[in-house]
Amino acid sequence: QVQLVEFGGGLVQPGGSLRLTCDASVSTAGINSPGNIRGWYRQAPGKERELVAELRRDGQKTYGDFVKGRFTISGDVAKNEIYLQMYGLKPEDTAVYYCDSKIWGVHNWGQGTQVTVSS
């Protein structure tokens, strides 16, 4: 059973920063488990869910084109957690951010955490 819980969302001014945490339950496949890709997606109102960043077990990282060096994904294998450090936030980054554990191509989502960038 995959259980993912996100923390760290909130309201921030343009140019500000936030750090999101995704905590996985003990029963969730570990970051280094075969076939497991952890990642962050986001969904703004009226838009499709899109990839923000993903972390593969070999350490390879992939980012959405809009990130442009502003965000960094990382993971803690011992804690079975991943993180998303976001800098230079823009109003267009406003969305619900979801943690994902993609196991052999099947997405497993957390409940999401709201990030609002506004002055």
Protein backbone atom coordinates (compact mmCIF):
# COMPACT_ATOMS: atom_id res chain seq x y z
CA GLN A 1 0.00 0.00 0.00
CA VAL A 2 1.38 3.38 -1.02
CA GLN A 3 0.76 6.28 1.31
CA LEU A 4 2.27 9.66 0.61
CA VAL A 5 1.80 12.82 2.65
CA GLU A 6 2.96 16.24 1.53
CA PHE A 7 3.98 19.10 3.82
CA GLY A 8 5.21 22.62 3.38
CA GLY A 9 2.76 24.36 1.10
CA GLY A 10 1.41 27.79 1.87
CA LEU A 11 1.16 31.41 0.82
CA VAL A 12 4.33 33.14 -0.30
CA GLN A 13 5.09 36.43 -2.00
CA PRO A 14 6.53 36.55 -5.53
CA GLY A 15 10.25 35.90 -5.40
CA GLY A 16 9.92 33.90 -2.20
CA SER A 17 10.82 30.33 -1.45
CA LEU A 18 9.19 27.18 -0.09
CA ARG A 19 10.35 23.67 0.70
CA LEU A 20 7.93 20.84 0.17
CA THR A 21 8.35 17.48 1.86
CA CYS A 22 6.79 14.19 0.83
CA ASP A 23 6.78 11.54 3.52
CA ALA A 24 6.14 7.95 2.50
CA SER A 25 4.69 5.30 4.75
CA VAL A 26 6.83 2.36 5.81
CA SER A 27 4.91 0.11 3.44
CA THR A 28 5.65 2.35 0.46
CA ALA A 29 8.43 1.24 -1.83
CA GLY A 30 11.69 2.95 -1.00
CA ILE A 31 13.36 5.55 -3.17
CA ASN A 32 15.90 2.96 -4.30
CA SER A 33 13.37 0.24 -5.02
CA PRO A 34 13.44 -1.18 -8.55
CA GLY A 35 10.92 0.45 -10.83
CA ASN A 36 10.27 3.34 -8.47
CA ILE A 37 10.48 6.96 -9.61
CA ARG A 38 9.57 9.63 -7.11
CA GLY A 39 8.44 13.01 -8.23
CA TRP A 40 6.46 16.18 -7.82
CA TYR A 41 3.61 17.23 -10.08
CA ARG A 42 1.36 20.24 -9.91
CA GLN A 43 -2.10 21.15 -11.08
CA ALA A 44 -3.46 24.65 -11.37
CA PRO A 45 -7.21 25.32 -11.68
CA GLY A 46 -8.44 24.52 -15.16
CA LYS A 47 -5.12 23.02 -16.21
CA GLU A 48 -3.77 19.52 -16.56
CA ARG A 49 -1.44 18.03 -14.01
CA GLU A 50 2.15 18.55 -15.08
CA LEU A 51 5.53 17.26 -14.06
CA VAL A 52 7.58 19.54 -11.85
CA ALA A 53 10.50 17.25 -11.07
CA GLU A 54 11.31 13.61 -10.70
CA LEU A 55 14.09 11.64 -9.06
CA ARG A 56 15.24 8.24 -10.27
CA ARG A 57 16.92 5.63 -8.11
CA ASP A 58 20.21 6.22 -9.95
CA GLY A 59 20.08 9.86 -8.90
CA GLN A 60 19.05 11.22 -12.27
CA LYS A 61 16.78 14.23 -12.01
CA THR A 62 14.31 15.61 -14.53
CA TYR A 63 12.59 18.96 -14.37
CA GLY A 64 9.71 20.59 -16.16
CA ASP A 65 10.74 23.22 -18.71
CA PHE A 66 9.20 25.99 -16.64
CA VAL A 67 11.48 25.27 -13.66
CA LYS A 68 14.51 26.93 -15.30
CA GLY A 69 16.85 26.25 -12.41
CA ARG A 70 14.55 27.60 -9.71
CA PHE A 71 13.60 24.27 -8.09
CA THR A 72 15.64 21.37 -6.78
CA ILE A 73 14.39 17.86 -6.04
CA SER A 74 16.20 15.70 -3.53
CA GLY A 75 15.61 12.61 -1.44
CA ASP A 76 16.51 10.96 1.82
CA VAL A 77 16.65 7.21 1.36
CA ALA A 78 16.75 6.46 5.09
CA LYS A 79 13.64 8.52 5.77
CA ASN A 80 11.96 7.49 2.51
CA GLU A 81 11.21 11.15 1.85
CA ILE A 82 11.64 13.45 -1.08
CA TYR A 83 11.81 17.22 -1.08
CA LEU A 84 11.22 20.07 -3.46
CA GLN A 85 13.10 23.26 -2.73
CA MET A 86 11.59 26.15 -4.65
CA TYR A 87 13.15 29.58 -5.09
CA GLY A 88 12.09 32.55 -7.13
CA LEU A 89 8.44 31.65 -6.97
CA LYS A 90 6.10 33.33 -9.42
CA PRO A 91 2.32 33.78 -9.37
CA GLU A 92 2.10 31.24 -12.19
CA ASP A 93 3.57 28.64 -9.85
CA THR A 94 0.34 28.73 -7.88
CA ALA A 95 -1.10 25.22 -7.89
CA VAL A 96 -1.72 22.12 -5.84
CA TYR A 97 1.53 20.20 -5.68
CA TYR A 98 1.32 16.43 -5.57
CA CYS A 99 3.90 13.90 -4.54
CA ASP A 100 4.10 10.86 -6.78
CA SER A 101 5.57 7.43 -6.38
CA LYS A 102 5.55 5.90 -9.85
CA ILE A 103 6.07 2.19 -9.49
CA TRP A 104 6.63 0.32 -12.75
CA GLY A 105 4.78 3.13 -14.54
CA VAL A 106 1.78 3.29 -12.20
CA HIS A 107 1.28 6.63 -10.46
CA ASN A 108 0.49 6.77 -6.76
CA TRP A 109 -0.45 10.20 -5.54
CA GLY A 110 -0.44 12.03 -2.26
CA GLN A 111 -3.36 14.25 -1.28
CA GLY A 112 -1.58 17.40 -2.47
CA THR A 113 -0.49 20.62 -0.83
CA GLN A 114 -1.55 24.08 -1.95
CA VAL A 115 1.11 26.57 -2.99
CA THR A 116 -0.11 30.11 -3.55
CA VAL A 117 2.20 32.83 -4.81
CA SER A 118 0.66 36.23 -4.37
CA SER A 119 1.43 39.67 -3.04
